[in-house]
Amino acid sequence: MNVDRGYLLTEQVNRASENLDQLSSLQLAQLFANEDKLPQQAVEAAVPELAAAIEAISARLANGGRLFYLGAGTSGRLGVLDAAECPPTFCSDPEMVQGLLAGGAPALLRSSEGLEDLFDAGRADLQKSDFSADDALVGIAAGGTTPYVHGGLSYAMELGALAVALACVPTSQVQMPCHIDIRLLTGPELLTGSTRLKAGTATKMALNIISTGVMVRLGKVYGNSMVDVAVTNTKLEDRALRILSSLAGLDREQGLHLLEQGGGSVKVALLMSAAQLPATSAVALLEKAQGNLRLALEVNGFQLHGPQ
């Protein structure tokens, strides 16, 4: 279909870069540095919608639902990236946050941009993942017109699932089927139409906020410490030990001992330290508190003995 999308904000010409190919490397880098201040401003303008998404998504996940990111090209790859980073950061089940990309896994490494034009493919990919009314969907499309994303969002609306749209064009240019509409208005790109630039940067920032905010609401963070970190390598083991030192005043040998007894769980180790309980009892208290360390401590009258 021959459709002129030149009216879209993300496709318009940026007058600041009309002589981009004539700039020195220093001038080019400075121009990009100046323009890359705009994604932060765009994200800040969308704070109310981002907060609404965090609340609505976390409510779904707290009741056993899942979060899906759906997109094509850069937008889809950013969704897959954010989903992939949740298990090691928050020890979340890989099924809890999932990224669906038009073209599937091969499109992560090799461009399959033509697949974004298939409206029914968005619906089909969600159906393959057993997407249900209990789940939440964030449909990501920088230009807001991607049929693949519209198909997924429409399907979510039909099911009664939560539908969140994320785009970098104003609603006056493109309407998207959704309950929560997040618009990140970063303006025309320095390289006309290349939404992997400012639009991609703003999208990554927004996804960081959404996924981290949801995990905070689900009790996977204590203070600003990732107490649900998965101890899967030496770097993360070191981080876990520093968390145990900061929150419970444990030295590294004590921390390693409790981590080993607690099956590698920082939260279990912290509760064992605070309550002087064996791992099985600490696990039981955490389960009663739905995995929320702060709640488990407060309900049972325990305190961590380290700097808060």
Protein backbone atom coordinates (compact mmCIF):
# COMPACT_ATOMS: atom_id res chain seq x y z
CA MET A 1 0.00 0.00 0.00
CA ASN A 2 1.44 3.36 -1.08
CA VAL A 3 0.91 5.60 1.97
CA ASP A 4 2.58 8.98 2.46
CA ARG A 5 3.75 9.13 6.10
CA GLY A 6 5.66 12.38 5.71
CA TYR A 7 3.20 14.13 8.03
CA LEU A 8 4.36 12.07 11.00
CA LEU A 9 6.56 13.89 13.51
CA THR A 10 9.13 11.09 13.35
CA GLU A 11 9.35 11.37 9.54
CA GLN A 12 9.69 15.14 9.27
CA VAL A 13 12.91 16.91 8.35
CA ASN A 14 15.06 18.32 11.15
CA ARG A 15 16.25 21.74 9.99
CA ALA A 16 19.20 21.61 12.41
CA SER A 17 20.81 18.79 10.41
CA GLU A 18 20.12 19.80 6.80
CA ASN A 19 23.89 19.95 6.18
CA LEU A 20 24.68 16.82 8.23
CA ASP A 21 26.97 15.36 5.57
CA GLN A 22 29.05 18.57 5.50
CA LEU A 23 29.77 18.79 9.22
CA SER A 24 33.09 17.96 10.80
CA SER A 25 33.10 15.00 13.16
CA LEU A 26 33.30 17.42 16.09
CA GLN A 27 30.32 19.43 14.84
CA LEU A 28 28.35 16.25 14.14
CA ALA A 29 28.98 14.83 17.61
CA GLN A 30 28.05 18.16 19.24
CA LEU A 31 24.81 18.33 17.24
CA PHE A 32 23.84 14.84 18.38
CA ALA A 33 24.73 15.69 21.97
CA ASN A 34 22.46 18.73 21.83
CA GLU A 35 19.55 16.84 20.25
CA ASP A 36 19.85 13.93 22.67
CA LYS A 37 18.66 16.18 25.49
CA LEU A 38 15.18 16.00 23.95
CA PRO A 39 14.40 12.35 24.86
CA GLN A 40 14.70 13.19 28.57
CA GLN A 41 12.29 16.10 28.14
CA ALA A 42 9.89 13.88 26.20
CA VAL A 43 9.94 11.24 28.95
CA GLU A 44 9.41 13.87 31.64
CA ALA A 45 6.34 15.18 29.79
CA ALA A 46 4.90 11.63 29.81
CA VAL A 47 5.37 11.00 33.55
CA PRO A 48 1.60 10.86 34.36
CA GLU A 49 1.01 8.22 31.69
CA LEU A 50 4.08 6.25 32.72
CA ALA A 51 2.90 6.25 36.33
CA ALA A 52 -0.55 5.06 35.25
CA ALA A 53 1.05 2.24 33.28
CA ILE A 54 3.17 1.17 36.26
CA GLU A 55 0.12 1.00 38.53
CA ALA A 56 -2.06 -0.86 36.04
CA ILE A 57 0.62 -3.34 34.95
CA SER A 58 1.77 -4.13 38.48
CA ALA A 59 -1.83 -4.83 39.49
CA ARG A 60 -2.09 -7.38 36.68
CA LEU A 61 1.21 -9.05 37.54
CA ALA A 62 0.37 -9.17 41.26
CA ASN A 63 -2.65 -11.27 40.32
CA GLY A 64 -0.67 -13.72 38.21
CA GLY A 65 -0.81 -11.91 34.89
CA ARG A 66 2.14 -11.27 32.58
CA LEU A 67 3.58 -8.27 30.75
CA PHE A 68 4.21 -8.44 27.01
CA TYR A 69 6.10 -5.93 24.88
CA LEU A 70 5.16 -6.03 21.20
CA GLY A 71 6.88 -4.19 18.38
CA ALA A 72 8.76 -4.31 15.10
CA GLY A 73 12.26 -3.18 14.17
CA THR A 74 14.01 -1.02 16.73
CA SER A 75 10.86 -0.71 18.85
CA GLY A 76 10.45 -4.46 19.08
CA ARG A 77 14.12 -5.08 19.78
CA LEU A 78 14.04 -2.61 22.66
CA GLY A 79 11.05 -4.45 24.12
CA VAL A 80 12.86 -7.78 23.86
CA LEU A 81 15.94 -6.24 25.50
CA ASP A 82 13.97 -4.87 28.44
CA ALA A 83 12.16 -8.17 28.95
CA ALA A 84 15.44 -10.12 28.83
CA GLU A 85 16.97 -7.91 31.52
CA CYS A 86 14.22 -8.51 34.08
CA PRO A 87 15.12 -12.08 35.24
CA PRO A 88 18.76 -11.33 36.15
CA THR A 89 17.90 -7.98 37.74
CA PHE A 90 14.77 -8.98 39.65
CA CYS A 91 14.91 -12.80 39.67
CA SER A 92 11.56 -12.74 37.91
CA ASP A 93 10.20 -15.75 36.08
CA PRO A 94 11.14 -15.39 32.37
CA GLU A 95 7.44 -15.85 31.61
CA MET A 96 6.48 -12.77 33.65
CA VAL A 97 7.86 -10.21 31.19
CA GLN A 98 8.15 -11.21 27.53
CA GLY A 99 9.15 -9.42 24.36
CA LEU A 100 7.49 -10.22 21.03
CA LEU A 101 9.20 -8.99 17.87
CA ALA A 102 7.79 -9.07 14.35
CA GLY A 103 9.76 -11.84 12.64
CA GLY A 104 10.67 -13.55 15.90
CA ALA A 105 14.19 -14.28 17.14
CA PRO A 106 15.86 -14.06 13.68
CA ALA A 107 14.75 -10.41 13.45
CA LEU A 108 16.93 -9.58 16.45
CA LEU A 109 20.04 -10.04 14.32
CA ARG A 110 18.80 -9.49 10.78
CA SER A 111 16.34 -6.79 9.79
CA SER A 112 12.85 -8.07 8.92
CA GLU A 113 11.12 -4.72 8.73
CA GLY A 114 8.61 -5.89 6.07
CA LEU A 115 6.91 -8.11 8.64
CA GLU A 116 5.65 -5.06 10.55
CA ASP A 117 3.01 -4.51 7.83
CA LEU A 118 1.10 -7.66 8.84
CA PHE A 119 -1.80 -6.60 11.09
CA ASP A 120 -2.86 -10.18 11.84
CA ALA A 121 0.69 -11.20 12.82
CA GLY A 122 0.52 -9.16 16.03
CA ARG A 123 -2.62 -11.01 17.07
CA ALA A 124 -1.16 -14.35 16.00
CA ASP A 125 2.06 -13.89 17.99
CA LEU A 126 0.06 -13.07 21.13
CA GLN A 127 -2.16 -16.09 20.59
CA LYS A 128 0.91 -18.34 20.29
CA SER A 129 1.99 -17.04 23.71
CA ASP A 130 -1.44 -17.78 25.23
CA PHE A 131 -1.98 -14.07 25.88
CA SER A 132 -5.12 -13.68 28.01
CA ALA A 133 -7.41 -11.16 29.65
CA ASP A 134 -5.24 -11.35 32.79
CA ASP A 135 -2.19 -10.00 30.98
CA ALA A 136 -0.86 -6.58 30.02
CA LEU A 137 0.46 -5.49 26.63
CA VAL A 138 2.71 -2.56 25.78
CA GLY A 139 2.54 -2.01 22.03
CA ILE A 140 5.59 -0.02 20.87
CA ALA A 141 5.61 1.85 17.55
CA ALA A 142 7.74 4.97 17.19
CA GLY A 143 5.68 6.30 14.29
CA GLY A 144 2.44 4.96 15.75
CA THR A 145 1.22 3.37 12.50
CA THR A 146 2.78 -0.12 12.58
CA PRO A 147 0.02 -2.60 11.60
CA TYR A 148 1.70 -5.41 13.58
CA VAL A 149 1.41 -3.35 16.77
CA HIS A 150 -2.12 -2.15 16.00
CA GLY A 151 -3.15 -5.77 15.50
CA GLY A 152 -1.74 -6.74 18.89
CA LEU A 153 -3.30 -3.79 20.72
CA SER A 154 -6.68 -4.43 19.09
CA TYR A 155 -6.55 -8.06 20.18
CA ALA A 156 -5.70 -7.04 23.76
CA MET A 157 -8.66 -4.66 23.81
CA GLU A 158 -10.98 -7.39 22.50
CA LEU A 159 -9.88 -9.80 25.24
CA GLY A 160 -10.19 -7.26 28.05
CA ALA A 161 -6.45 -7.35 28.73
CA LEU A 162 -4.61 -4.14 29.60
CA ALA A 163 -3.47 -2.33 26.44
CA VAL A 164 -0.75 0.33 26.68
CA ALA A 165 0.41 2.17 23.56
CA LEU A 166 3.84 3.80 23.31
CA ALA A 167 4.64 6.04 20.34
CA CYS A 168 6.69 9.11 19.44
CA VAL A 169 4.03 11.00 17.48
CA PRO A 170 1.14 13.06 18.89
CA THR A 171 -2.34 11.57 19.14
CA SER A 172 -3.55 14.22 16.68
CA GLN A 173 -1.49 12.46 14.00
CA VAL A 174 -2.16 8.81 14.92
CA GLN A 175 -4.76 7.18 17.17
CA MET A 176 -3.89 3.82 18.72
CA PRO A 177 -6.28 1.34 20.39
CA CYS A 178 -5.36 1.34 24.08
CA HIS A 179 -6.33 2.07 27.69
CA ILE A 180 -3.17 4.07 28.44
CA ASP A 181 -1.54 6.17 25.73
CA ILE A 182 2.12 7.13 26.22
CA ARG A 183 3.53 9.67 23.75
CA LEU A 184 7.22 10.52 23.73
CA LEU A 185 7.53 13.56 21.48
CA THR A 186 11.21 13.73 20.59
CA GLY A 187 10.70 15.59 17.31
CA PRO A 188 12.25 14.98 13.88
CA GLU A 189 15.40 12.88 13.80
CA LEU A 190 18.78 14.29 12.75
CA LEU A 191 18.89 11.51 10.17
CA THR A 192 15.42 11.89 8.72
CA GLY A 193 13.13 9.04 9.71
CA SER A 194 15.78 7.06 11.63
CA THR A 195 13.79 6.38 14.79
CA ARG A 196 16.59 4.24 16.26
CA LEU A 197 18.00 7.62 17.33
CA LYS A 198 16.02 9.99 19.62
CA ALA A 199 12.81 7.98 19.46
CA GLY A 200 14.71 4.80 20.33
CA THR A 201 16.52 6.51 23.19
CA ALA A 202 13.27 7.83 24.66
CA THR A 203 11.62 4.43 24.23
CA LYS A 204 14.42 2.66 26.10
CA MET A 205 14.18 5.23 28.91
CA ALA A 206 10.41 4.75 29.16
CA LEU A 207 10.70 0.95 29.24
CA ASN A 208 13.35 1.21 31.97
CA ILE A 209 10.91 3.26 34.03
CA ILE A 210 7.97 0.94 33.41
CA SER A 211 9.70 -2.37 34.16
CA THR A 212 11.66 -1.05 37.15
CA GLY A 213 8.59 0.72 38.55
CA VAL A 214 6.50 -2.44 38.20
CA MET A 215 9.13 -4.54 39.97
CA VAL A 216 9.36 -1.97 42.77
CA ARG A 217 5.58 -2.17 43.20
CA LEU A 218 5.84 -5.97 43.31
CA GLY A 219 8.29 -5.81 46.23
CA LYS A 220 11.39 -6.85 44.34
CA VAL A 221 13.35 -3.84 45.61
CA TYR A 222 14.19 -2.78 49.17
CA GLY A 223 15.15 0.88 49.41
CA ASN A 224 17.11 1.19 46.19
CA SER A 225 18.75 -2.24 46.43
CA MET A 226 17.92 -5.04 43.99
CA VAL A 227 17.30 -7.59 46.72
CA ASP A 228 15.87 -10.04 44.19
CA VAL A 229 19.04 -10.06 42.09
CA ALA A 230 19.83 -13.47 40.60
CA VAL A 231 23.32 -14.48 41.73
CA THR A 232 24.44 -16.04 38.47
CA ASN A 233 28.00 -14.72 38.05
CA THR A 234 30.84 -13.23 40.08
CA LYS A 235 29.75 -9.63 39.42
CA LEU A 236 26.24 -10.30 40.71
CA GLU A 237 27.58 -12.32 43.64
CA ASP A 238 29.70 -9.32 44.60
CA ARG A 239 26.65 -7.05 44.33
CA ALA A 240 24.64 -9.43 46.51
CA LEU A 241 27.37 -9.45 49.14
CA ARG A 242 27.55 -5.66 49.15
CA ILE A 243 23.78 -5.50 49.61
CA LEU A 244 24.03 -7.87 52.56
CA SER A 245 26.80 -5.73 54.03
CA SER A 246 24.89 -2.48 53.50
CA LEU A 247 21.50 -3.65 54.77
CA ALA A 248 22.46 -6.23 57.39
CA GLY A 249 26.01 -5.31 58.36
CA LEU A 250 27.34 -8.72 57.30
CA ASP A 251 30.95 -9.24 56.26
CA ARG A 252 31.60 -11.15 53.06
CA GLU A 253 32.20 -14.49 54.76
CA GLN A 254 28.95 -14.20 56.73
CA GLY A 255 27.13 -13.10 53.59
CA LEU A 256 28.42 -16.02 51.54
CA HIS A 257 27.36 -18.44 54.27
CA LEU A 258 23.80 -17.07 54.42
CA LEU A 259 23.53 -16.88 50.64
CA GLU A 260 24.52 -20.54 50.41
CA GLN A 261 21.99 -21.53 53.08
CA GLY A 262 19.29 -19.39 51.44
CA GLY A 263 19.74 -20.92 48.01
CA GLY A 264 21.34 -17.80 46.57
CA SER A 265 18.42 -15.54 47.55
CA VAL A 266 19.46 -12.15 48.94
CA LYS A 267 15.99 -11.62 50.44
CA VAL A 268 16.07 -14.95 52.24
CA ALA A 269 19.58 -14.22 53.53
CA LEU A 270 18.50 -10.79 54.79
CA LEU A 271 15.46 -12.21 56.59
CA MET A 272 17.55 -15.00 58.08
CA SER A 273 19.96 -12.39 59.44
CA ALA A 274 17.28 -10.06 60.77
CA ALA A 275 15.17 -12.76 62.42
CA GLN A 276 17.89 -15.29 63.24
CA LEU A 277 15.83 -17.94 61.48
CA PRO A 278 16.76 -20.97 59.38
CA ALA A 279 16.28 -20.70 55.64
CA THR A 280 13.05 -22.74 55.58
CA SER A 281 11.39 -20.43 58.09
CA ALA A 282 12.59 -17.31 56.28
CA VAL A 283 11.24 -18.65 52.99
CA ALA A 284 7.86 -19.34 54.61
CA LEU A 285 7.64 -15.79 55.99
CA LEU A 286 8.50 -14.35 52.60
CA GLU A 287 5.87 -16.47 50.90
CA LYS A 288 3.23 -15.18 53.36
CA ALA A 289 4.31 -11.65 52.45
CA GLN A 290 4.10 -12.50 48.72
CA GLY A 291 7.85 -12.07 48.39
CA ASN A 292 7.87 -8.52 49.79
CA LEU A 293 10.86 -8.24 52.13
CA ARG A 294 9.79 -4.97 53.75
CA LEU A 295 6.34 -6.37 54.49
CA ALA A 296 7.80 -9.61 55.89
CA LEU A 297 10.04 -7.61 58.22
CA GLU A 298 7.36 -5.17 59.39
CA VAL A 299 4.59 -7.73 59.93
CA ASN A 300 6.85 -9.90 62.07
CA GLY A 301 8.54 -7.06 63.96
CA PHE A 302 12.04 -7.68 62.57
CA GLN A 303 14.66 -5.09 61.65
CA LEU A 304 17.71 -5.14 59.46
CA HIS A 305 20.84 -4.18 61.40
CA GLY A 306 22.68 -2.15 58.84
CA PRO A 307 22.56 1.38 57.40
CA GLN A 308 19.16 1.97 55.76
